[in-house]
Amino acid sequence: MLRHEFQPGRLIAGGFFTLAGVVYAGDAGGLWETPWFAVVPLVVVGLCLAGVAGIVARSLRRRRRTGRDTAPATGTEAGSTGAHPGGGPG
């Protein structure tokens, strides 16, 4: 059982931030030379992709939830007090 719902936007953002850290760690370790501005496009692209993934995931989750919650109207809804036939305040 999942402890929380899967959020692909956070996974993508975390991956790109980890990649940015690896790029700077390689520069600090002397494996390669990285200009200071090279990570900016990497982080911006990662955040944009994470935002798109988050929006798509939320819309899919909302669509799936509304499709599952709609039930045929039987006239007796859960939580209805029956005091007013319209179901609203009298």
PDB file of N, CA and C in Angstrom:
ATOM      1  N   MET A   1       0.836  -1.170   0.000  1.00  0.00           N
ATOM      2  CA  MET A   1       0.000   0.000   0.000  1.00  0.00           C
ATOM      3  C   MET A   1       0.887   1.243   0.000  1.00  0.00           C
ATOM      4  N   LEU A   2       0.519   2.209  -0.828  1.00  0.00           N
ATOM      5  CA  LEU A   2       1.300   3.430  -0.914  1.00  0.00           C
ATOM      6  C   LEU A   2       1.056   4.322   0.302  1.00  0.00           C
ATOM      7  N   ARG A   3       2.106   4.925   0.793  1.00  0.00           N
ATOM      8  CA  ARG A   3       1.961   5.854   1.908  1.00  0.00           C
ATOM      9  C   ARG A   3       1.505   7.220   1.438  1.00  0.00           C
ATOM     10  N   HIS A   4       1.795   7.548   0.199  1.00  0.00           N
ATOM     11  CA  HIS A   4       1.352   8.814  -0.385  1.00  0.00           C
ATOM     12  C   HIS A   4       1.219   8.620  -1.883  1.00  0.00           C
ATOM     13  N   GLU A   5       0.547   9.556  -2.532  1.00  0.00           N
ATOM     14  CA  GLU A   5       0.372   9.406  -3.968  1.00  0.00           C
ATOM     15  C   GLU A   5       1.650   9.788  -4.706  1.00  0.00           C
ATOM     16  N   PHE A   6       1.870   9.145  -5.820  1.00  0.00           N
ATOM     17  CA  PHE A   6       3.052   9.361  -6.633  1.00  0.00           C
ATOM     18  C   PHE A   6       2.973  10.731  -7.288  1.00  0.00           C
ATOM     19  N   GLN A   7       4.053  11.513  -7.193  1.00  0.00           N
ATOM     20  CA  GLN A   7       4.102  12.848  -7.777  1.00  0.00           C
ATOM     21  C   GLN A   7       5.274  12.911  -8.754  1.00  0.00           C
ATOM     22  N   PRO A   8       4.996  12.712 -10.045  1.00  0.00           N
ATOM     23  CA  PRO A   8       6.081  12.654 -11.025  1.00  0.00           C
ATOM     24  C   PRO A   8       6.825  13.973 -11.183  1.00  0.00           C
ATOM     25  N   GLY A   9       6.172  15.091 -10.929  1.00  0.00           N
ATOM     26  CA  GLY A   9       6.844  16.387 -11.035  1.00  0.00           C
ATOM     27  C   GLY A   9       7.991  16.510 -10.048  1.00  0.00           C
ATOM     28  N   ARG A  10       7.772  16.049  -8.858  1.00  0.00           N
ATOM     29  CA  ARG A  10       8.841  16.100  -7.850  1.00  0.00           C
ATOM     30  C   ARG A  10       9.980  15.148  -8.188  1.00  0.00           C
ATOM     31  N   LEU A  11       9.641  14.005  -8.770  1.00  0.00           N
ATOM     32  CA  LEU A  11      10.676  13.063  -9.189  1.00  0.00           C
ATOM     33  C   LEU A  11      11.560  13.681 -10.273  1.00  0.00           C
ATOM     34  N   ILE A  12      10.950  14.332 -11.249  1.00  0.00           N
ATOM     35  CA  ILE A  12      11.709  14.950 -12.339  1.00  0.00           C
ATOM     36  C   ILE A  12      12.555  16.098 -11.809  1.00  0.00           C
ATOM     37  N   ALA A  13      11.979  16.949 -10.961  1.00  0.00           N
ATOM     38  CA  ALA A  13      12.745  18.060 -10.392  1.00  0.00           C
ATOM     39  C   ALA A  13      13.927  17.548  -9.574  1.00  0.00           C
ATOM     40  N   GLY A  14      13.694  16.519  -8.776  1.00  0.00           N
ATOM     41  CA  GLY A  14      14.779  15.942  -7.982  1.00  0.00           C
ATOM     42  C   GLY A  14      15.881  15.362  -8.846  1.00  0.00           C
ATOM     43  N   GLY A  15      15.495  14.725  -9.946  1.00  0.00           N
ATOM     44  CA  GLY A  15      16.498  14.174 -10.862  1.00  0.00           C
ATOM     45  C   GLY A  15      17.368  15.256 -11.493  1.00  0.00           C
ATOM     46  N   PHE A  16      16.739  16.349 -11.914  1.00  0.00           N
ATOM     47  CA  PHE A  16      17.511  17.425 -12.528  1.00  0.00           C
ATOM     48  C   PHE A  16      18.388  18.152 -11.509  1.00  0.00           C
ATOM     49  N   PHE A  17      17.894  18.321 -10.274  1.00  0.00           N
ATOM     50  CA  PHE A  17      18.743  18.936  -9.249  1.00  0.00           C
ATOM     51  C   PHE A  17      19.912  18.020  -8.878  1.00  0.00           C
ATOM     52  N   THR A  18      19.679  16.721  -8.870  1.00  0.00           N
ATOM     53  CA  THR A  18      20.769  15.777  -8.613  1.00  0.00           C
ATOM     54  C   THR A  18      21.799  15.839  -9.733  1.00  0.00           C
ATOM     55  N   LEU A  19      21.319  15.934 -10.980  1.00  0.00           N
ATOM     56  CA  LEU A  19      22.233  16.066 -12.114  1.00  0.00           C
ATOM     57  C   LEU A  19      23.056  17.351 -12.017  1.00  0.00           C
ATOM     58  N   ALA A  20      22.423  18.440 -11.602  1.00  0.00           N
ATOM     59  CA  ALA A  20      23.156  19.698 -11.419  1.00  0.00           C
ATOM     60  C   ALA A  20      24.223  19.542 -10.329  1.00  0.00           C
ATOM     61  N   GLY A  21      23.885  18.837  -9.267  1.00  0.00           N
ATOM     62  CA  GLY A  21      24.873  18.583  -8.209  1.00  0.00           C
ATOM     63  C   GLY A  21      26.030  17.739  -8.691  1.00  0.00           C
ATOM     64  N   VAL A  22      25.741  16.746  -9.528  1.00  0.00           N
ATOM     65  CA  VAL A  22      26.805  15.894 -10.079  1.00  0.00           C
ATOM     66  C   VAL A  22      27.718  16.716 -10.983  1.00  0.00           C
ATOM     67  N   VAL A  23      27.133  17.614 -11.764  1.00  0.00           N
ATOM     68  CA  VAL A  23      27.949  18.459 -12.653  1.00  0.00           C
ATOM     69  C   VAL A  23      28.901  19.321 -11.831  1.00  0.00           C
ATOM     70  N   TYR A  24      28.392  19.947 -10.770  1.00  0.00           N
ATOM     71  CA  TYR A  24      29.269  20.767  -9.930  1.00  0.00           C
ATOM     72  C   TYR A  24      30.253  19.925  -9.129  1.00  0.00           C
ATOM     73  N   ALA A  25      29.854  18.717  -8.711  1.00  0.00           N
ATOM     74  CA  ALA A  25      30.781  17.852  -7.978  1.00  0.00           C
ATOM     75  C   ALA A  25      31.921  17.395  -8.883  1.00  0.00           C
ATOM     76  N   GLY A  26      31.606  17.109 -10.149  1.00  0.00           N
ATOM     77  CA  GLY A  26      32.663  16.745 -11.098  1.00  0.00           C
ATOM     78  C   GLY A  26      33.622  17.891 -11.333  1.00  0.00           C
ATOM     79  N   ASP A  27      33.090  19.109 -11.352  1.00  0.00           N
ATOM     80  CA  ASP A  27      33.954  20.282 -11.502  1.00  0.00           C
ATOM     81  C   ASP A  27      34.824  20.475 -10.257  1.00  0.00           C
ATOM     82  N   ALA A  28      34.227  20.298  -9.093  1.00  0.00           N
ATOM     83  CA  ALA A  28      34.984  20.470  -7.855  1.00  0.00           C
ATOM     84  C   ALA A  28      36.035  19.379  -7.688  1.00  0.00           C
ATOM     85  N   GLY A  29      35.747  18.188  -8.181  1.00  0.00           N
ATOM     86  CA  GLY A  29      36.696  17.085  -8.073  1.00  0.00           C
ATOM     87  C   GLY A  29      37.792  17.125  -9.128  1.00  0.00           C
ATOM     88  N   GLY A  30      37.698  18.032 -10.081  1.00  0.00           N
ATOM     89  CA  GLY A  30      38.716  18.166 -11.101  1.00  0.00           C
ATOM     90  C   GLY A  30      38.554  17.222 -12.279  1.00  0.00           C
ATOM     91  N   LEU A  31      37.401  16.574 -12.388  1.00  0.00           N
ATOM     92  CA  LEU A  31      37.183  15.666 -13.508  1.00  0.00           C
ATOM     93  C   LEU A  31      36.939  16.424 -14.812  1.00  0.00           C
ATOM     94  N   TRP A  32      36.291  17.580 -14.737  1.00  0.00           N
ATOM     95  CA  TRP A  32      36.026  18.417 -15.909  1.00  0.00           C
ATOM     96  C   TRP A  32      35.849  19.853 -15.456  1.00  0.00           C
ATOM     97  N   GLU A  33      35.866  20.753 -16.385  1.00  0.00           N
ATOM     98  CA  GLU A  33      35.660  22.179 -16.114  1.00  0.00           C
ATOM     99  C   GLU A  33      34.230  22.547 -16.482  1.00  0.00           C
ATOM    100  N   THR A  34      33.530  23.144 -15.550  1.00  0.00           N
ATOM    101  CA  THR A  34      32.146  23.567 -15.783  1.00  0.00           C
ATOM    102  C   THR A  34      32.050  25.058 -15.550  1.00  0.00           C
ATOM    103  N   PRO A  35      31.606  25.832 -16.557  1.00  0.00           N
ATOM    104  CA  PRO A  35      31.388  27.257 -16.314  1.00  0.00           C
ATOM    105  C   PRO A  35      30.242  27.460 -15.316  1.00  0.00           C
ATOM    106  N   TRP A  36      30.269  28.556 -14.589  1.00  0.00           N
ATOM    107  CA  TRP A  36      29.291  28.778 -13.536  1.00  0.00           C
ATOM    108  C   TRP A  36      27.864  28.855 -14.075  1.00  0.00           C
ATOM    109  N   PHE A  37      27.695  29.287 -15.311  1.00  0.00           N
ATOM    110  CA  PHE A  37      26.359  29.475 -15.863  1.00  0.00           C
ATOM    111  C   PHE A  37      25.807  28.230 -16.556  1.00  0.00           C
ATOM    112  N   ALA A  38      26.552  27.161 -16.609  1.00  0.00           N
ATOM    113  CA  ALA A  38      26.127  25.970 -17.344  1.00  0.00           C
ATOM    114  C   ALA A  38      24.964  25.244 -16.671  1.00  0.00           C
ATOM    115  N   VAL A  39      24.812  25.400 -15.389  1.00  0.00           N
ATOM    116  CA  VAL A  39      23.781  24.665 -14.668  1.00  0.00           C
ATOM    117  C   VAL A  39      22.436  25.385 -14.733  1.00  0.00           C
ATOM    118  N   VAL A  40      22.440  26.684 -15.033  1.00  0.00           N
ATOM    119  CA  VAL A  40      21.190  27.445 -15.075  1.00  0.00           C
ATOM    120  C   VAL A  40      20.201  26.855 -16.088  1.00  0.00           C
ATOM    121  N   PRO A  41      20.587  26.614 -17.343  1.00  0.00           N
ATOM    122  CA  PRO A  41      19.618  26.003 -18.259  1.00  0.00           C
ATOM    123  C   PRO A  41      19.178  24.604 -17.826  1.00  0.00           C
ATOM    124  N   LEU A  42      20.066  23.866 -17.206  1.00  0.00           N
ATOM    125  CA  LEU A  42      19.730  22.532 -16.728  1.00  0.00           C
ATOM    126  C   LEU A  42      18.627  22.598 -15.667  1.00  0.00           C
ATOM    127  N   VAL A  43      18.753  23.516 -14.733  1.00  0.00           N
ATOM    128  CA  VAL A  43      17.762  23.656 -13.667  1.00  0.00           C
ATOM    129  C   VAL A  43      16.449  24.203 -14.221  1.00  0.00           C
ATOM    130  N   VAL A  44      16.528  25.181 -15.131  1.00  0.00           N
ATOM    131  CA  VAL A  44      15.309  25.767 -15.698  1.00  0.00           C
ATOM    132  C   VAL A  44      14.523  24.723 -16.496  1.00  0.00           C
ATOM    133  N   VAL A  45      15.207  23.943 -17.319  1.00  0.00           N
ATOM    134  CA  VAL A  45      14.534  22.890 -18.089  1.00  0.00           C
ATOM    135  C   VAL A  45      13.924  21.856 -17.142  1.00  0.00           C
ATOM    136  N   GLY A  46      14.643  21.496 -16.102  1.00  0.00           N
ATOM    137  CA  GLY A  46      14.115  20.531 -15.135  1.00  0.00           C
ATOM    138  C   GLY A  46      12.873  21.039 -14.436  1.00  0.00           C
ATOM    139  N   LEU A  47      12.874  22.315 -14.055  1.00  0.00           N
ATOM    140  CA  LEU A  47      11.695  22.875 -13.394  1.00  0.00           C
ATOM    141  C   LEU A  47      10.511  22.981 -14.348  1.00  0.00           C
ATOM    142  N   CYS A  48      10.764  23.332 -15.600  1.00  0.00           N
ATOM    143  CA  CYS A  48       9.679  23.399 -16.592  1.00  0.00           C
ATOM    144  C   CYS A  48       9.081  22.014 -16.844  1.00  0.00           C
ATOM    145  N   LEU A  49       9.928  21.018 -17.016  1.00  0.00           N
ATOM    146  CA  LEU A  49       9.422  19.654 -17.214  1.00  0.00           C
ATOM    147  C   LEU A  49       8.675  19.148 -15.982  1.00  0.00           C
ATOM    148  N   ALA A  50       9.161  19.497 -14.811  1.00  0.00           N
ATOM    149  CA  ALA A  50       8.481  19.089 -13.587  1.00  0.00           C
ATOM    150  C   ALA A  50       7.112  19.752 -13.480  1.00  0.00           C
ATOM    151  N   GLY A  51       7.023  21.006 -13.872  1.00  0.00           N
ATOM    152  CA  GLY A  51       5.732  21.687 -13.855  1.00  0.00           C
ATOM    153  C   GLY A  51       4.744  21.063 -14.816  1.00  0.00           C
ATOM    154  N   VAL A  52       5.204  20.751 -16.018  1.00  0.00           N
ATOM    155  CA  VAL A  52       4.323  20.111 -17.005  1.00  0.00           C
ATOM    156  C   VAL A  52       3.880  18.742 -16.504  1.00  0.00           C
ATOM    157  N   ALA A  53       4.798  17.982 -15.957  1.00  0.00           N
ATOM    158  CA  ALA A  53       4.448  16.652 -15.444  1.00  0.00           C
ATOM    159  C   ALA A  53       3.461  16.760 -14.282  1.00  0.00           C
ATOM    160  N   GLY A  54       3.640  17.756 -13.434  1.00  0.00           N
ATOM    161  CA  GLY A  54       2.713  17.947 -12.317  1.00  0.00           C
ATOM    162  C   GLY A  54       1.321  18.323 -12.781  1.00  0.00           C
ATOM    163  N   ILE A  55       1.239  19.188 -13.783  1.00  0.00           N
ATOM    164  CA  ILE A  55      -0.065  19.592 -14.317  1.00  0.00           C
ATOM    165  C   ILE A  55      -0.763  18.414 -14.973  1.00  0.00           C
ATOM    166  N   VAL A  56      -0.025  17.646 -15.753  1.00  0.00           N
ATOM    167  CA  VAL A  56      -0.623  16.475 -16.417  1.00  0.00           C
ATOM    168  C   VAL A  56      -1.077  15.445 -15.383  1.00  0.00           C
ATOM    169  N   ALA A  57      -0.260  15.204 -14.380  1.00  0.00           N
ATOM    170  CA  ALA A  57      -0.622  14.219 -13.359  1.00  0.00           C
ATOM    171  C   ALA A  57      -1.852  14.671 -12.584  1.00  0.00           C
ATOM    172  N   ARG A  58      -1.928  15.946 -12.259  1.00  0.00           N
ATOM    173  CA  ARG A  58      -3.085  16.449 -11.519  1.00  0.00           C
ATOM    174  C   ARG A  58      -4.356  16.353 -12.354  1.00  0.00           C
ATOM    175  N   SER A  59      -4.247  16.688 -13.643  1.00  0.00           N
ATOM    176  CA  SER A  59      -5.445  16.607 -14.486  1.00  0.00           C
ATOM    177  C   SER A  59      -5.902  15.159 -14.660  1.00  0.00           C
ATOM    178  N   LEU A  60      -4.959  14.236 -14.806  1.00  0.00           N
ATOM    179  CA  LEU A  60      -5.332  12.821 -14.911  1.00  0.00           C
ATOM    180  C   LEU A  60      -5.944  12.318 -13.612  1.00  0.00           C
ATOM    181  N   ARG A  61      -5.370  12.725 -12.490  1.00  0.00           N
ATOM    182  CA  ARG A  61      -5.888  12.307 -11.197  1.00  0.00           C
ATOM    183  C   ARG A  61      -7.292  12.855 -10.981  1.00  0.00           C
ATOM    184  N   ARG A  62      -7.506  14.124 -11.354  1.00  0.00           N
ATOM    185  CA  ARG A  62      -8.819  14.742 -11.188  1.00  0.00           C
ATOM    186  C   ARG A  62      -9.840  14.078 -12.098  1.00  0.00           C
ATOM    187  N   ARG A  63      -9.445  13.783 -13.342  1.00  0.00           N
ATOM    188  CA  ARG A  63     -10.354  13.146 -14.287  1.00  0.00           C
ATOM    189  C   ARG A  63     -10.735  11.749 -13.797  1.00  0.00           C
ATOM    190  N   ARG A  64      -9.772  11.010 -13.284  1.00  0.00           N
ATOM    191  CA  ARG A  64     -10.043   9.661 -12.797  1.00  0.00           C
ATOM    192  C   ARG A  64     -10.933   9.709 -11.555  1.00  0.00           C
ATOM    193  N   ARG A  65     -10.709  10.703 -10.685  1.00  0.00           N
ATOM    194  CA  ARG A  65     -11.499  10.819  -9.466  1.00  0.00           C
ATOM    195  C   ARG A  65     -12.941  11.204  -9.787  1.00  0.00           C
ATOM    196  N   THR A  66     -13.161  12.137 -10.713  1.00  0.00           N
ATOM    197  CA  THR A  66     -14.526  12.527 -11.040  1.00  0.00           C
ATOM    198  C   THR A  66     -15.254  11.408 -11.757  1.00  0.00           C
ATOM    199  N   GLY A  67     -14.565  10.616 -12.544  1.00  0.00           N
ATOM    200  CA  GLY A  67     -15.188   9.496 -13.219  1.00  0.00           C
ATOM    201  C   GLY A  67     -15.602   8.405 -12.253  1.00  0.00           C
ATOM    202  N   ARG A  68     -14.860   8.246 -11.180  1.00  0.00           N
ATOM    203  CA  ARG A  68     -15.145   7.204 -10.207  1.00  0.00           C
ATOM    204  C   ARG A  68     -16.226   7.649  -9.221  1.00  0.00           C
ATOM    205  N   ASP A  69     -16.271   8.945  -8.887  1.00  0.00           N
ATOM    206  CA  ASP A  69     -17.212   9.436  -7.889  1.00  0.00           C
ATOM    207  C   ASP A  69     -18.627   9.616  -8.415  1.00  0.00           C
ATOM    208  N   THR A  70     -18.797   9.737  -9.709  1.00  0.00           N
ATOM    209  CA  THR A  70     -20.140   9.946 -10.225  1.00  0.00           C
ATOM    210  C   THR A  70     -20.909   8.640 -10.162  1.00  0.00           C
ATOM    211  N   ALA A  71     -22.041   8.688  -9.506  1.00  0.00           N
ATOM    212  CA  ALA A  71     -22.899   7.512  -9.364  1.00  0.00           C
ATOM    213  C   ALA A  71     -24.290   7.895  -9.848  1.00  0.00           C
ATOM    214  N   PRO A  72     -25.075   6.947 -10.262  1.00  0.00           N
ATOM    215  CA  PRO A  72     -26.424   7.283 -10.694  1.00  0.00           C
ATOM    216  C   PRO A  72     -27.246   7.852  -9.543  1.00  0.00           C
ATOM    217  N   ALA A  73     -28.067   8.854  -9.840  1.00  0.00           N
ATOM    218  CA  ALA A  73     -28.880   9.510  -8.811  1.00  0.00           C
ATOM    219  C   ALA A  73     -30.014   8.581  -8.401  1.00  0.00           C
ATOM    220  N   THR A  74     -30.082   8.295  -7.104  1.00  0.00           N
ATOM    221  CA  THR A  74     -31.131   7.407  -6.599  1.00  0.00           C
ATOM    222  C   THR A  74     -32.177   8.166  -5.814  1.00  0.00           C
ATOM    223  N   GLY A  75     -31.921   9.439  -5.513  1.00  0.00           N
ATOM    224  CA  GLY A  75     -32.883  10.213  -4.740  1.00  0.00           C
ATOM    225  C   GLY A  75     -32.551  10.234  -3.264  1.00  0.00           C
ATOM    226  N   THR A  76     -31.809   9.259  -2.770  1.00  0.00           N
ATOM    227  CA  THR A  76     -31.384   9.246  -1.372  1.00  0.00           C
ATOM    228  C   THR A  76     -29.875   9.309  -1.349  1.00  0.00           C
ATOM    229  N   GLU A  77     -29.374  10.483  -1.087  1.00  0.00           N
ATOM    230  CA  GLU A  77     -27.926  10.681  -1.083  1.00  0.00           C
ATOM    231  C   GLU A  77     -27.400  10.515   0.327  1.00  0.00           C
ATOM    232  N   ALA A  78     -26.202  10.072   0.450  1.00  0.00           N
ATOM    233  CA  ALA A  78     -25.577   9.912   1.758  1.00  0.00           C
ATOM    234  C   ALA A  78     -25.382  11.284   2.375  1.00  0.00           C
ATOM    235  N   GLY A  79     -25.759  11.424   3.618  1.00  0.00           N
ATOM    236  CA  GLY A  79     -25.592  12.696   4.303  1.00  0.00           C
ATOM    237  C   GLY A  79     -26.803  13.599   4.184  1.00  0.00           C
ATOM    238  N   SER A  80     -27.805  13.202   3.457  1.00  0.00           N
ATOM    239  CA  SER A  80     -28.999  14.003   3.297  1.00  0.00           C
ATOM    240  C   SER A  80     -29.883  13.813   4.525  1.00  0.00           C
ATOM    241  N   THR A  81     -30.399  14.920   5.046  1.00  0.00           N
ATOM    242  CA  THR A  81     -31.226  14.837   6.234  1.00  0.00           C
ATOM    243  C   THR A  81     -32.676  14.556   5.886  1.00  0.00           C
ATOM    244  N   GLY A  82     -33.062  14.819   4.658  1.00  0.00           N
ATOM    245  CA  GLY A  82     -34.431  14.573   4.245  1.00  0.00           C
ATOM    246  C   GLY A  82     -35.377  15.673   4.685  1.00  0.00           C
ATOM    247  N   ALA A  83     -34.845  16.739   5.307  1.00  0.00           N
ATOM    248  CA  ALA A  83     -35.694  17.816   5.805  1.00  0.00           C
ATOM    249  C   ALA A  83     -36.266  18.650   4.674  1.00  0.00           C
ATOM    250  N   HIS A  84     -35.480  18.823   3.626  1.00  0.00           N
ATOM    251  CA  HIS A  84     -35.919  19.641   2.506  1.00  0.00           C
ATOM    252  C   HIS A  84     -35.757  18.816   1.234  1.00  0.00           C
ATOM    253  N   PRO A  85     -36.756  18.739   0.378  1.00  0.00           N
ATOM    254  CA  PRO A  85     -36.648  17.893  -0.808  1.00  0.00           C
ATOM    255  C   PRO A  85     -35.533  18.303  -1.753  1.00  0.00           C
ATOM    256  N   GLY A  86     -35.133  19.547  -1.760  1.00  0.00           N
ATOM    257  CA  GLY A  86     -34.062  20.008  -2.644  1.00  0.00           C
ATOM    258  C   GLY A  86     -32.693  19.664  -2.115  1.00  0.00           C
ATOM    259  N   GLY A  87     -32.594  19.273  -0.867  1.00  0.00           N
ATOM    260  CA  GLY A  87     -31.309  18.923  -0.290  1.00  0.00           C
ATOM    261  C   GLY A  87     -30.560  20.124   0.255  1.00  0.00           C
ATOM    262  N   GLY A  88     -31.000  21.325  -0.065  1.00  0.00           N
ATOM    263  CA  GLY A  88     -30.342  22.544   0.405  1.00  0.00           C
ATOM    264  C   GLY A  88     -31.003  23.065   1.647  1.00  0.00           C
ATOM    265  N   PRO A  89     -30.527  24.176   2.165  1.00  0.00           N
ATOM    266  CA  PRO A  89     -31.125  24.760   3.376  1.00  0.00           C
ATOM    267  C   PRO A  89     -32.534  25.250   3.081  1.00  0.00           C
ATOM    268  N   GLY A  90     -33.449  25.089   4.008  1.00  0.00           N
ATOM    269  CA  GLY A  90     -34.851  25.416   3.802  1.00  0.00           C
ATOM    270  C   GLY A  90     -35.140  26.770   4.223  1.00  0.00           C
TER     271      GLY A  90
END
